[in-house]
Amino acid sequence: NIRYNPLGSARIYNNLAMAYDSQGRVSEAIMTYKQAISIQDTYPQTHHNLGRAYLQQNNKDDAVKEFEAAIAIDPNFYHSYGMLA
């Protein structure tokens, strides 16, 4: 999908980033999560996933910002509350 529509959709980029993350390609995952957010910043899942990727790099400050961004989008997104706790 990305090859034929490089602007793509935020969900497709989020899914690609998750695939990178599952392969241990955290730096690529972070860049791709950011791409997803730049396309459409309405999904708390993308910020949450980006926060988890930052934690893998021991970047706690940016991780906290992303978990808070997820909660700002959806105050009922409890996954990020758990990560902040």
C-alpha atoms as a PDB file:
ATOM      1  CA  ASN A   1       0.000   0.000   0.000  1.00  0.00           C
ATOM      2  CA  ILE A   2       2.772   2.440   0.885  1.00  0.00           C
ATOM      3  CA  ARG A   3       4.598   1.766  -2.375  1.00  0.00           C
ATOM      4  CA  TYR A   4       1.532   2.772  -4.412  1.00  0.00           C
ATOM      5  CA  ASN A   5       0.382   5.568  -2.132  1.00  0.00           C
ATOM      6  CA  PRO A   6       3.468   7.045  -0.414  1.00  0.00           C
ATOM      7  CA  LEU A   7       1.355   9.552   1.498  1.00  0.00           C
ATOM      8  CA  GLY A   8      -0.510   6.521   2.784  1.00  0.00           C
ATOM      9  CA  SER A   9      -2.639   6.417   5.850  1.00  0.00           C
ATOM     10  CA  ALA A  10      -1.688   6.797   9.462  1.00  0.00           C
ATOM     11  CA  ARG A  11      -2.906   3.282  10.237  1.00  0.00           C
ATOM     12  CA  ILE A  12      -0.785   1.697   7.535  1.00  0.00           C
ATOM     13  CA  TYR A  13       2.315   3.504   8.795  1.00  0.00           C
ATOM     14  CA  ASN A  14       1.481   2.545  12.371  1.00  0.00           C
ATOM     15  CA  ASN A  15       1.210  -1.095  11.301  1.00  0.00           C
ATOM     16  CA  LEU A  16       4.531  -0.892   9.444  1.00  0.00           C
ATOM     17  CA  ALA A  17       6.163   0.655  12.501  1.00  0.00           C
ATOM     18  CA  MET A  18       4.789  -2.151  14.669  1.00  0.00           C
ATOM     19  CA  ALA A  19       6.337  -4.673  12.258  1.00  0.00           C
ATOM     20  CA  TYR A  20       9.703  -2.901  12.499  1.00  0.00           C
ATOM     21  CA  ASP A  21       9.383  -2.851  16.275  1.00  0.00           C
ATOM     22  CA  SER A  22       8.619  -6.566  16.462  1.00  0.00           C
ATOM     23  CA  GLN A  23      11.772  -7.228  14.438  1.00  0.00           C
ATOM     24  CA  GLY A  24      13.878  -5.177  16.845  1.00  0.00           C
ATOM     25  CA  ARG A  25      14.290  -2.359  14.334  1.00  0.00           C
ATOM     26  CA  VAL A  26      13.401   0.280  16.904  1.00  0.00           C
ATOM     27  CA  SER A  27      14.979   3.293  15.187  1.00  0.00           C
ATOM     28  CA  GLU A  28      13.036   2.560  12.004  1.00  0.00           C
ATOM     29  CA  ALA A  29       9.894   2.007  14.048  1.00  0.00           C
ATOM     30  CA  ILE A  30      10.273   5.405  15.714  1.00  0.00           C
ATOM     31  CA  MET A  31      10.696   7.179  12.368  1.00  0.00           C
ATOM     32  CA  THR A  32       7.661   5.371  10.982  1.00  0.00           C
ATOM     33  CA  TYR A  33       5.468   6.112  14.022  1.00  0.00           C
ATOM     34  CA  LYS A  34       6.382   9.778  13.561  1.00  0.00           C
ATOM     35  CA  GLN A  35       5.412   9.530   9.892  1.00  0.00           C
ATOM     36  CA  ALA A  36       2.027   8.098  10.909  1.00  0.00           C
ATOM     37  CA  ILE A  37       1.485  10.952  13.358  1.00  0.00           C
ATOM     38  CA  SER A  38       2.425  13.535  10.720  1.00  0.00           C
ATOM     39  CA  ILE A  39      -0.234  12.113   8.394  1.00  0.00           C
ATOM     40  CA  GLN A  40      -3.048  12.040  10.936  1.00  0.00           C
ATOM     41  CA  ASP A  41      -2.659  12.735  14.622  1.00  0.00           C
ATOM     42  CA  THR A  42      -5.931  11.285  15.885  1.00  0.00           C
ATOM     43  CA  TYR A  43      -4.978   7.821  17.101  1.00  0.00           C
ATOM     44  CA  PRO A  44      -3.798   7.322  20.680  1.00  0.00           C
ATOM     45  CA  GLN A  45      -2.359   3.953  19.711  1.00  0.00           C
ATOM     46  CA  THR A  46       0.352   5.533  17.585  1.00  0.00           C
ATOM     47  CA  HIS A  47       1.565   7.774  20.397  1.00  0.00           C
ATOM     48  CA  HIS A  48       1.403   4.862  22.814  1.00  0.00           C
ATOM     49  CA  ASN A  49       3.433   2.652  20.495  1.00  0.00           C
ATOM     50  CA  LEU A  50       5.958   5.436  19.952  1.00  0.00           C
ATOM     51  CA  GLY A  51       6.261   5.817  23.715  1.00  0.00           C
ATOM     52  CA  ARG A  52       6.973   2.112  24.079  1.00  0.00           C
ATOM     53  CA  ALA A  53       9.637   2.335  21.376  1.00  0.00           C
ATOM     54  CA  TYR A  54      11.263   5.247  23.201  1.00  0.00           C
ATOM     55  CA  LEU A  55      11.351   3.146  26.359  1.00  0.00           C
ATOM     56  CA  GLN A  56      13.242   0.461  24.455  1.00  0.00           C
ATOM     57  CA  GLN A  57      15.885   3.117  23.823  1.00  0.00           C
ATOM     58  CA  ASN A  58      15.763   4.133  27.495  1.00  0.00           C
ATOM     59  CA  ASN A  59      14.399   7.540  26.463  1.00  0.00           C
ATOM     60  CA  LYS A  60      11.977   7.996  29.332  1.00  0.00           C
ATOM     61  CA  ASP A  61      11.321  11.708  28.841  1.00  0.00           C
ATOM     62  CA  ASP A  62      10.055  11.313  25.286  1.00  0.00           C
ATOM     63  CA  ALA A  63       8.167   8.158  26.251  1.00  0.00           C
ATOM     64  CA  VAL A  64       6.247  10.055  28.936  1.00  0.00           C
ATOM     65  CA  LYS A  65       5.388  12.806  26.435  1.00  0.00           C
ATOM     66  CA  GLU A  66       3.988  10.237  24.010  1.00  0.00           C
ATOM     67  CA  PHE A  67       1.927   8.446  26.669  1.00  0.00           C
ATOM     68  CA  GLU A  68       0.523  11.820  27.733  1.00  0.00           C
ATOM     69  CA  ALA A  69      -0.227  12.658  24.084  1.00  0.00           C
ATOM     70  CA  ALA A  70      -2.153   9.384  23.750  1.00  0.00           C
ATOM     71  CA  ILE A  71      -4.218  10.249  26.817  1.00  0.00           C
ATOM     72  CA  ALA A  72      -4.834  13.778  25.520  1.00  0.00           C
ATOM     73  CA  ILE A  73      -6.329  12.294  22.354  1.00  0.00           C
ATOM     74  CA  ASP A  74      -8.420   9.749  24.252  1.00  0.00           C
ATOM     75  CA  PRO A  75      -8.728  10.130  28.044  1.00  0.00           C
ATOM     76  CA  ASN A  76     -10.121   6.580  28.161  1.00  0.00           C
ATOM     77  CA  PHE A  77      -7.017   5.042  26.564  1.00  0.00           C
ATOM     78  CA  TYR A  78      -5.982   3.152  29.689  1.00  0.00           C
ATOM     79  CA  HIS A  79      -2.929   1.456  28.206  1.00  0.00           C
ATOM     80  CA  SER A  80      -0.944   4.669  28.472  1.00  0.00           C
ATOM     81  CA  TYR A  81      -2.023   5.264  32.069  1.00  0.00           C
ATOM     82  CA  GLY A  82      -0.533   1.885  32.895  1.00  0.00           C
ATOM     83  CA  MET A  83       2.754   2.776  31.261  1.00  0.00           C
ATOM     84  CA  LEU A  84       2.907   6.070  33.159  1.00  0.00           C
ATOM     85  CA  ALA A  85       2.267   4.311  36.447  1.00  0.00           C
END
